[in-house]
């Protein structure tokens, strides 16, 4: 394609997952929310919508237990609390993740130990996790970034050999699969987010799932201030929070859940269309997806070679912005361990707890230990994505990328 041809593409406004233009919210959600409000029962301890959501989500994933909670952060916190680390225990995780997946580790008195990532997928792997394991490792968190599953078979083999539980962070990966199995069902616990931009949304909200009865009991209690609802002699059994989901959000989620399969399929189909239209474009690599996996595209990510495309992903992002495509070069801008909470150990007052309990090696954030992380963030360009993209939207994005690369070619 020439620049002249590309410039003929008429400007389009892309649907956004931040408002109704890119969301499947509609009459079904309105009807169930109205039903919840008319009932006058908005707490999940007395209502039916949250319980219905939990049962249907468990059935969808084929697991024994699912519990709703207040957010994706609450879901991760619930999972960490269920594992119940001792102060100073280590949890191996990714440096390319939301702080909501890391703060719960610190709140439970444990130390996040960061594994490097594959620079192409930005996911942790068994090979990057293994060097970070120690006798103090209490759990591994596998984050399925952007909807692209980690190579879970290898991670699970490593974890089983060491008898270490695996928590799957599936916040961005509803209905993604690895080796035919849904993510969230491979490890000991799966965590999901219902935040505004996710495949299923209630604005804020989360879900945790497990097949382990003992972990399920701990998660249920943690969400409910450790109060034993339904027990013969209930009490507050341990330190825990109120992370319950309200009936209003439960009603929205119950209406959203039947739409999930179509949402995932539309995202996958649109992504396949963009990948096809970008094949062979110099300096641009489309998402790398294992033949063993199904990627459900929370976002669509490019890898941009700055040796071919001047100024790499930031340069390409600036030109796409001129076309109304609000991409995110570098995704989170810097690895999580470079944030002040880790660099200055700002936690509880001036105590620096739990960092004061950590091994020096666990707090070694030297750049040389994370080549994949820095390389991946330098190259990645995250494109907005949702289930209401049409073929025209996809073609517009493809034309805009082709035109921008033509302008930036070295």
Protein backbone atom coordinates (compact mmCIF):
# COMPACT_ATOMS: atom_id res chain seq x y z
CA UNK A 1 0.00 0.00 0.00
CA UNK A 2 1.19 3.51 -0.72
CA UNK A 3 0.69 6.51 1.49
CA UNK A 4 -1.60 8.01 -1.16
CA UNK A 5 -3.86 4.97 -1.09
CA UNK A 6 -3.86 4.82 2.68
CA UNK A 7 -4.73 8.48 3.10
CA UNK A 8 -8.10 7.85 1.43
CA UNK A 9 -9.36 5.98 4.49
CA UNK A 10 -12.21 8.03 5.93
CA UNK A 11 -11.76 8.96 9.61
CA UNK A 12 -13.75 6.77 11.97
CA UNK A 13 -14.58 7.06 15.64
CA UNK A 14 -13.83 3.75 17.33
CA UNK A 15 -16.23 2.26 19.87
CA UNK A 16 -14.85 2.70 23.40
CA UNK A 17 -15.13 0.29 26.30
CA UNK A 18 -15.37 3.33 28.55
CA UNK A 19 -18.92 4.12 27.42
CA UNK A 20 -21.95 2.55 25.76
CA UNK A 21 -20.39 2.65 22.29
CA UNK A 22 -18.14 -0.30 23.10
CA UNK A 23 -20.15 -2.18 25.72
CA UNK A 24 -22.94 -4.77 25.51
CA UNK A 25 -24.90 -3.20 28.36
CA UNK A 26 -28.57 -2.86 27.49
CA UNK A 27 -32.16 -3.75 28.26
CA UNK A 28 -31.30 -7.02 30.00
CA UNK A 29 -29.08 -5.31 32.58
CA UNK A 30 -31.61 -2.50 33.12
CA UNK A 31 -34.42 -4.98 33.73
CA UNK A 32 -32.49 -7.01 36.31
CA UNK A 33 -31.15 -3.92 38.11
CA UNK A 34 -34.70 -2.60 38.34
CA UNK A 35 -35.80 -5.97 39.74
CA UNK A 36 -33.07 -5.83 42.37
CA UNK A 37 -34.00 -2.29 43.39
CA UNK A 38 -37.71 -3.06 43.52
CA UNK A 39 -36.95 -5.99 45.82
CA UNK A 40 -35.42 -3.60 48.35
CA UNK A 41 -32.71 -6.19 49.10
CA UNK A 42 -29.35 -4.89 47.95
CA UNK A 43 -27.04 -6.95 50.17
CA UNK A 44 -25.83 -10.27 48.82
CA UNK A 45 -26.16 -11.91 52.23
CA UNK A 46 -29.95 -11.77 51.82
CA UNK A 47 -30.42 -11.45 48.06
CA UNK A 48 -30.36 -13.86 45.11
CA UNK A 49 -28.51 -12.18 42.23
CA UNK A 50 -24.97 -12.60 43.55
CA UNK A 51 -25.65 -16.22 44.46
CA UNK A 52 -27.07 -16.79 40.97
CA UNK A 53 -23.96 -15.24 39.42
CA UNK A 54 -21.69 -17.44 41.51
CA UNK A 55 -23.54 -20.61 40.54
CA UNK A 56 -23.64 -19.77 36.85
CA UNK A 57 -20.00 -18.75 36.70
CA UNK A 58 -18.96 -21.97 38.43
CA UNK A 59 -20.99 -23.92 35.87
CA UNK A 60 -19.47 -21.96 32.99
CA UNK A 61 -15.93 -22.79 34.09
CA UNK A 62 -16.76 -26.28 35.29
CA UNK A 63 -15.48 -25.66 38.83
CA UNK A 64 -16.96 -26.54 42.21
CA UNK A 65 -16.76 -23.08 43.78
CA UNK A 66 -17.09 -19.47 42.60
CA UNK A 67 -17.47 -16.39 44.78
CA UNK A 68 -18.15 -12.81 43.76
CA UNK A 69 -16.36 -9.89 45.40
CA UNK A 70 -15.97 -6.14 45.14
CA UNK A 71 -13.19 -5.82 42.54
CA UNK A 72 -10.41 -7.61 40.71
CA UNK A 73 -8.06 -6.39 43.44
CA UNK A 74 -10.37 -7.93 46.03
CA UNK A 75 -10.30 -11.18 44.05
CA UNK A 76 -6.49 -11.32 44.17
CA UNK A 77 -6.48 -10.35 47.85
CA UNK A 78 -8.99 -13.10 48.57
CA UNK A 79 -6.80 -15.63 46.77
CA UNK A 80 -3.66 -14.55 48.63
CA UNK A 81 -5.52 -14.68 51.95
CA UNK A 82 -6.76 -18.17 51.15
CA UNK A 83 -3.17 -19.34 50.60
CA UNK A 84 -2.49 -17.72 54.02
CA UNK A 85 1.23 -16.88 53.80
CA UNK A 86 3.35 -16.34 56.88
CA UNK A 87 4.89 -12.85 57.23
CA UNK A 88 7.94 -12.73 54.99
CA UNK A 89 6.85 -15.60 52.74
CA UNK A 90 7.44 -14.97 49.04
CA UNK A 91 4.97 -14.96 46.18
CA UNK A 92 6.47 -15.04 42.69
CA UNK A 93 4.64 -12.81 40.25
CA UNK A 94 4.97 -10.63 37.15
CA UNK A 95 6.46 -7.13 37.04
CA UNK A 96 4.04 -6.26 34.21
CA UNK A 97 0.73 -6.11 36.01
CA UNK A 98 -1.66 -3.73 37.72
CA UNK A 99 -0.78 -2.63 41.25
CA UNK A 100 -4.08 -4.13 42.32
CA UNK A 101 -2.50 -7.55 41.81
CA UNK A 102 0.55 -6.67 43.94
CA UNK A 103 -0.76 -4.63 46.86
CA UNK A 104 -2.73 -7.63 48.24
CA UNK A 105 0.52 -9.57 48.59
CA UNK A 106 1.98 -6.83 50.77
CA UNK A 107 -1.24 -6.42 52.76
CA UNK A 108 -0.99 -10.11 53.70
CA UNK A 109 2.58 -9.60 54.92
CA UNK A 110 4.21 -11.44 52.02
CA UNK A 111 6.95 -10.32 49.63
CA UNK A 112 6.31 -10.02 45.87
CA UNK A 113 9.25 -11.62 44.08
CA UNK A 114 9.31 -10.60 40.44
CA UNK A 115 10.04 -13.06 37.66
CA UNK A 116 11.17 -11.87 34.26
CA UNK A 117 8.80 -12.26 31.28
CA UNK A 118 8.89 -13.47 27.70
CA UNK A 119 9.55 -10.22 25.76
CA UNK A 120 7.12 -11.24 23.00
CA UNK A 121 4.08 -12.10 25.13
CA UNK A 122 5.03 -10.18 28.30
CA UNK A 123 3.92 -13.26 30.27
CA UNK A 124 5.90 -15.10 32.92
CA UNK A 125 7.06 -18.59 31.96
CA UNK A 126 8.32 -21.64 33.83
CA UNK A 127 11.84 -20.69 32.73
CA UNK A 128 11.56 -17.17 34.18
CA UNK A 129 9.80 -18.30 37.37
CA UNK A 130 12.20 -21.10 38.27
CA UNK A 131 15.22 -18.89 39.16
CA UNK A 132 13.04 -16.84 41.54
CA UNK A 133 11.86 -19.80 43.63
CA UNK A 134 13.25 -20.28 47.11
CA UNK A 135 12.46 -22.20 50.29
CA UNK A 136 10.27 -19.22 51.23
CA UNK A 137 8.12 -19.34 48.09
CA UNK A 138 4.50 -19.74 49.18
CA UNK A 139 2.71 -19.28 45.83
CA UNK A 140 3.13 -18.40 42.16
CA UNK A 141 0.87 -15.90 40.37
CA UNK A 142 0.49 -16.48 36.62
CA UNK A 143 -0.96 -13.40 34.92
CA UNK A 144 -2.59 -14.04 31.53
CA UNK A 145 -1.76 -10.62 30.14
CA UNK A 146 -4.06 -9.03 27.54
CA UNK A 147 -6.05 -12.29 27.26
CA UNK A 148 -3.08 -14.36 26.03
CA UNK A 149 -2.60 -17.40 28.30
CA UNK A 150 0.68 -18.19 29.99
CA UNK A 151 2.19 -21.54 29.08
CA UNK A 152 0.43 -23.15 32.01
CA UNK A 153 1.37 -26.78 31.44
CA UNK A 154 5.03 -26.00 32.04
CA UNK A 155 4.27 -23.65 34.94
CA UNK A 156 2.04 -26.24 36.60
CA UNK A 157 4.66 -28.97 36.19
CA UNK A 158 7.24 -26.74 37.90
CA UNK A 159 4.78 -25.83 40.69
CA UNK A 160 3.72 -29.43 41.32
CA UNK A 161 7.32 -30.57 41.54
CA UNK A 162 7.83 -28.02 44.34
CA UNK A 163 4.32 -28.41 45.87
CA UNK A 164 3.63 -24.69 45.33
CA UNK A 165 0.06 -23.49 44.67
CA UNK A 166 -0.56 -21.41 41.54
CA UNK A 167 -2.95 -18.46 41.47
CA UNK A 168 -4.11 -17.52 37.98
CA UNK A 169 -4.79 -13.83 37.38
CA UNK A 170 -7.43 -13.99 34.65
CA UNK A 171 -8.60 -10.37 34.94
CA UNK A 172 -7.95 -9.84 31.23
CA UNK A 173 -8.55 -13.37 29.99
CA UNK A 174 -12.17 -14.52 30.22
CA UNK A 175 -12.66 -17.75 28.23
CA UNK A 176 -9.01 -17.91 27.17
CA UNK A 177 -7.68 -21.48 26.99
CA UNK A 178 -4.41 -23.35 27.21
CA UNK A 179 -4.16 -26.95 26.06
CA UNK A 180 -7.95 -26.96 25.74
CA UNK A 181 -8.59 -25.94 29.34
CA UNK A 182 -10.10 -22.63 30.44
CA UNK A 183 -7.73 -20.34 32.28
CA UNK A 184 -8.66 -20.02 35.91
CA UNK A 185 -9.20 -23.77 36.18
CA UNK A 186 -5.58 -24.94 35.81
CA UNK A 187 -4.13 -23.57 39.03
CA UNK A 188 -5.36 -23.77 42.61
CA UNK A 189 -7.34 -20.50 42.36
CA UNK A 190 -8.49 -18.34 39.46
CA UNK A 191 -9.14 -14.58 39.85
CA UNK A 192 -11.29 -12.49 37.50
CA UNK A 193 -12.11 -8.79 37.21
CA UNK A 194 -15.44 -7.21 36.18
CA UNK A 195 -13.96 -3.71 35.88
CA UNK A 196 -15.24 -1.31 33.21
CA UNK A 197 -13.08 -2.49 30.32
CA UNK A 198 -13.22 -6.25 30.87
CA UNK A 199 -15.05 -8.87 28.78
CA UNK A 200 -17.82 -8.88 31.40
CA UNK A 201 -18.35 -5.62 33.26
CA UNK A 202 -20.18 -4.35 36.31
CA UNK A 203 -18.01 -1.21 36.50
CA UNK A 204 -16.15 -2.72 39.44
CA UNK A 205 -16.31 -6.30 40.69
CA UNK A 206 -14.45 -9.58 40.82
CA UNK A 207 -14.77 -13.36 41.00
CA UNK A 208 -12.64 -16.12 42.47
CA UNK A 209 -12.91 -19.81 41.56
CA UNK A 210 -11.43 -23.06 42.84
CA UNK A 211 -11.95 -26.81 42.98
CA UNK A 212 -10.30 -27.02 46.40
CA UNK A 213 -12.88 -27.19 49.21
CA UNK A 214 -10.50 -25.89 51.89
CA UNK A 215 -9.42 -22.90 49.79
CA UNK A 216 -13.06 -22.23 48.93
CA UNK A 217 -13.97 -22.06 52.60
CA UNK A 218 -11.15 -19.59 53.29
CA UNK A 219 -12.16 -17.42 50.31
CA UNK A 220 -15.82 -17.36 51.26
CA UNK A 221 -14.93 -16.35 54.80
CA UNK A 222 -12.40 -13.70 53.75
CA UNK A 223 -14.98 -11.97 51.55
CA UNK A 224 -17.37 -11.93 54.52
CA UNK A 225 -15.15 -10.57 57.35
CA UNK A 226 -14.44 -14.20 58.29
CA UNK A 227 -17.96 -14.48 59.68
CA UNK A 228 -19.27 -18.01 59.40
CA UNK A 229 -22.68 -17.43 57.82
CA UNK A 230 -24.75 -20.58 58.20
CA UNK A 231 -22.47 -22.14 60.82
CA UNK A 232 -23.98 -23.59 63.98
CA UNK A 233 -21.99 -21.15 66.12
CA UNK A 234 -20.66 -18.44 63.80
CA UNK A 235 -17.85 -16.13 64.81
CA UNK A 236 -15.22 -13.90 63.18
CA UNK A 237 -12.61 -16.62 62.79
CA UNK A 238 -9.63 -14.58 61.57
CA UNK A 239 -8.64 -11.14 60.30
CA UNK A 240 -10.59 -10.37 57.14
CA UNK A 241 -12.46 -7.64 55.29
CA UNK A 242 -15.90 -7.00 53.82
CA UNK A 243 -15.30 -7.60 50.10
CA UNK A 244 -18.89 -8.52 49.22
CA UNK A 245 -20.51 -7.61 45.92
CA UNK A 246 -23.85 -5.81 46.09
CA UNK A 247 -27.05 -7.19 44.56
CA UNK A 248 -27.13 -4.31 42.05
CA UNK A 249 -23.76 -5.33 40.61
CA UNK A 250 -24.79 -8.98 40.82
CA UNK A 251 -27.85 -8.20 38.71
CA UNK A 252 -25.70 -6.51 36.06
CA UNK A 253 -23.32 -9.49 36.00
CA UNK A 254 -26.14 -12.03 35.72
CA UNK A 255 -27.36 -10.18 32.61
CA UNK A 256 -23.84 -9.84 31.22
CA UNK A 257 -22.78 -13.46 31.61
CA UNK A 258 -24.88 -14.97 28.78
CA UNK A 259 -23.26 -12.48 26.39
CA UNK A 260 -19.71 -13.53 27.27
CA UNK A 261 -19.19 -16.20 24.64
CA UNK A 262 -20.28 -13.89 21.82
CA UNK A 263 -18.11 -11.11 23.26
CA UNK A 264 -15.04 -13.34 23.23
CA UNK A 265 -15.74 -14.65 19.73
CA UNK A 266 -16.19 -11.15 18.32
CA UNK A 267 -12.93 -10.00 19.86
CA UNK A 268 -11.10 -13.03 18.48
CA UNK A 269 -12.57 -12.58 14.99
CA UNK A 270 -11.74 -8.87 14.87
CA UNK A 271 -8.18 -9.58 16.06
CA UNK A 272 -7.74 -12.21 13.35
CA UNK A 273 -8.81 -9.62 10.79
CA UNK A 274 -6.27 -7.08 11.98
CA UNK A 275 -3.49 -9.67 12.15
CA UNK A 276 -4.20 -10.65 8.54
CA UNK A 277 -4.07 -7.03 7.37
CA UNK A 278 -0.76 -6.35 9.14
CA UNK A 279 1.11 -9.43 7.91
CA UNK A 280 4.46 -8.56 6.39
CA UNK A 281 4.45 -4.93 7.52
CA UNK A 282 8.11 -4.05 8.19
CA UNK A 283 8.98 -3.40 11.81
CA UNK A 284 5.64 -4.66 13.13
CA UNK A 285 4.99 -7.97 14.87
CA UNK A 286 1.42 -9.04 15.61
CA UNK A 287 0.51 -10.91 18.83
CA UNK A 288 2.34 -14.17 19.30
CA UNK A 289 -0.15 -16.83 20.32
CA UNK A 290 0.84 -20.43 21.01
CA UNK A 291 -0.86 -23.07 18.87
CA UNK A 292 -1.88 -24.59 22.22
CA UNK A 293 -3.74 -21.46 23.33
CA UNK A 294 -6.85 -19.39 22.65
CA UNK A 295 -6.25 -15.65 23.12
CA UNK A 296 -9.42 -13.64 23.89
CA UNK A 297 -7.97 -10.15 23.35
CA UNK A 298 -8.68 -7.80 26.21
CA UNK A 299 -6.37 -5.59 24.17
CA UNK A 300 -4.50 -6.09 20.88
CA UNK A 301 -0.75 -5.62 21.23
CA UNK A 302 1.89 -4.93 18.60
CA UNK A 303 5.64 -5.25 18.97
CA UNK A 304 7.36 -2.34 17.21
CA UNK A 305 11.00 -2.58 16.08
CA UNK A 306 12.63 0.80 16.61
CA UNK A 307 15.42 -0.19 14.22
CA UNK A 308 12.84 -0.11 11.42
CA UNK A 309 10.17 2.29 12.73
CA UNK A 310 11.61 5.63 13.90
CA UNK A 311 10.99 6.21 17.62
CA UNK A 312 9.43 2.77 17.92
CA UNK A 313 6.13 2.32 19.72
CA UNK A 314 5.93 5.92 21.05
CA UNK A 315 6.41 7.27 17.53
CA UNK A 316 3.79 4.97 16.09
CA UNK A 317 1.44 5.79 18.95
CA UNK A 318 1.71 9.53 18.28
CA UNK A 319 0.74 9.10 14.64
CA UNK A 320 -2.15 6.81 15.52
CA UNK A 321 -3.41 9.45 17.95
CA UNK A 322 -3.73 11.81 14.98
CA UNK A 323 -6.20 9.26 13.58
CA UNK A 324 -8.20 9.08 16.81
CA UNK A 325 -6.66 5.75 17.89
CA UNK A 326 -5.62 6.15 21.53
CA UNK A 327 -2.95 3.47 21.86
CA UNK A 328 -0.68 2.93 24.88
CA UNK A 329 3.04 2.69 24.13
CA UNK A 330 4.89 0.70 26.82
CA UNK A 331 1.57 -0.29 28.48
CA UNK A 332 2.39 0.43 32.17
CA UNK A 333 5.43 2.61 31.24
CA UNK A 334 7.78 0.92 33.72
CA UNK A 335 8.04 -2.39 35.56
CA UNK A 336 6.00 -2.45 38.77
CA UNK A 337 9.11 -2.78 40.91
CA UNK A 338 10.20 0.69 39.77
CA UNK A 339 7.15 2.28 41.43
CA UNK A 340 7.74 4.17 44.68
CA UNK A 341 5.93 1.58 46.79
CA UNK A 342 8.81 -0.82 46.02
CA UNK A 343 11.67 1.59 45.53
CA UNK A 344 10.97 3.51 48.76
CA UNK A 345 9.14 0.69 50.58
CA UNK A 346 6.17 2.85 51.49
CA UNK A 347 3.72 0.56 53.22
CA UNK A 348 2.45 0.89 56.82
CA UNK A 349 3.54 4.15 58.43
CA UNK A 350 7.32 4.23 58.56
CA UNK A 351 7.66 0.53 59.29
CA UNK A 352 8.53 -0.61 55.73
CA UNK A 353 6.80 -3.87 56.70
CA UNK A 354 6.86 -6.49 55.22
CA UNK A 355 9.98 -5.49 53.26
CA UNK A 356 11.92 -5.62 56.55
CA UNK A 357 11.46 -9.42 56.52
CA UNK A 358 12.69 -9.95 52.96
CA UNK A 359 15.83 -11.67 51.75
CA UNK A 360 18.13 -9.21 49.93
CA UNK A 361 17.85 -11.32 46.77
CA UNK A 362 14.06 -10.94 46.80
CA UNK A 363 14.45 -7.16 46.62
CA UNK A 364 17.08 -7.14 43.87
CA UNK A 365 15.43 -5.15 41.10
CA UNK A 366 18.57 -4.71 39.01
CA UNK A 367 17.86 -4.18 35.34
CA UNK A 368 20.13 -7.06 34.32
CA UNK A 369 17.77 -9.52 36.03
CA UNK A 370 14.84 -8.47 33.81
CA UNK A 371 15.97 -8.33 30.17
CA UNK A 372 12.65 -9.62 28.84
CA UNK A 373 10.66 -7.16 30.90
CA UNK A 374 12.52 -4.08 29.72
CA UNK A 375 12.71 -5.29 26.13
CA UNK A 376 9.03 -6.15 26.04
CA UNK A 377 7.93 -2.80 27.46
CA UNK A 378 10.20 -0.91 25.07
CA UNK A 379 8.60 -2.58 22.06
CA UNK A 380 4.95 -3.03 22.98
CA UNK A 381 2.12 -0.85 21.67
CA UNK A 382 -1.26 -1.63 23.21
CA UNK A 383 -4.25 -0.95 20.98
CA UNK A 384 -7.77 -0.43 22.34
CA UNK A 385 -10.08 -3.38 21.70
CA UNK A 386 -13.68 -4.38 22.29
CA UNK A 387 -16.42 -6.63 20.99
CA UNK A 388 -18.22 -3.93 18.98
CA UNK A 389 -15.45 -3.37 16.43
CA UNK A 390 -16.74 -3.92 12.91
CA UNK A 391 -14.75 -4.88 9.82
CA UNK A 392 -14.65 -1.18 8.96
CA UNK A 393 -13.13 -0.31 12.34
CA UNK A 394 -10.50 -3.03 11.95
CA UNK A 395 -9.64 -1.90 8.42
CA UNK A 396 -9.38 1.69 9.61
CA UNK A 397 -6.90 0.69 12.31
CA UNK A 398 -4.91 -1.39 9.80
CA UNK A 399 -4.81 1.46 7.24
CA UNK A 400 -3.73 3.91 9.94
CA UNK A 401 -0.90 1.62 11.07
CA UNK A 402 0.29 1.06 7.49
CA UNK A 403 0.26 4.80 6.83
CA UNK A 404 2.10 5.58 10.07
CA UNK A 405 4.78 2.95 9.41
CA UNK A 406 5.27 4.31 5.89
CA UNK A 407 5.91 7.76 7.41
CA UNK A 408 8.30 6.41 10.06
CA UNK A 409 10.30 3.89 8.04
CA UNK A 410 14.02 4.42 8.52
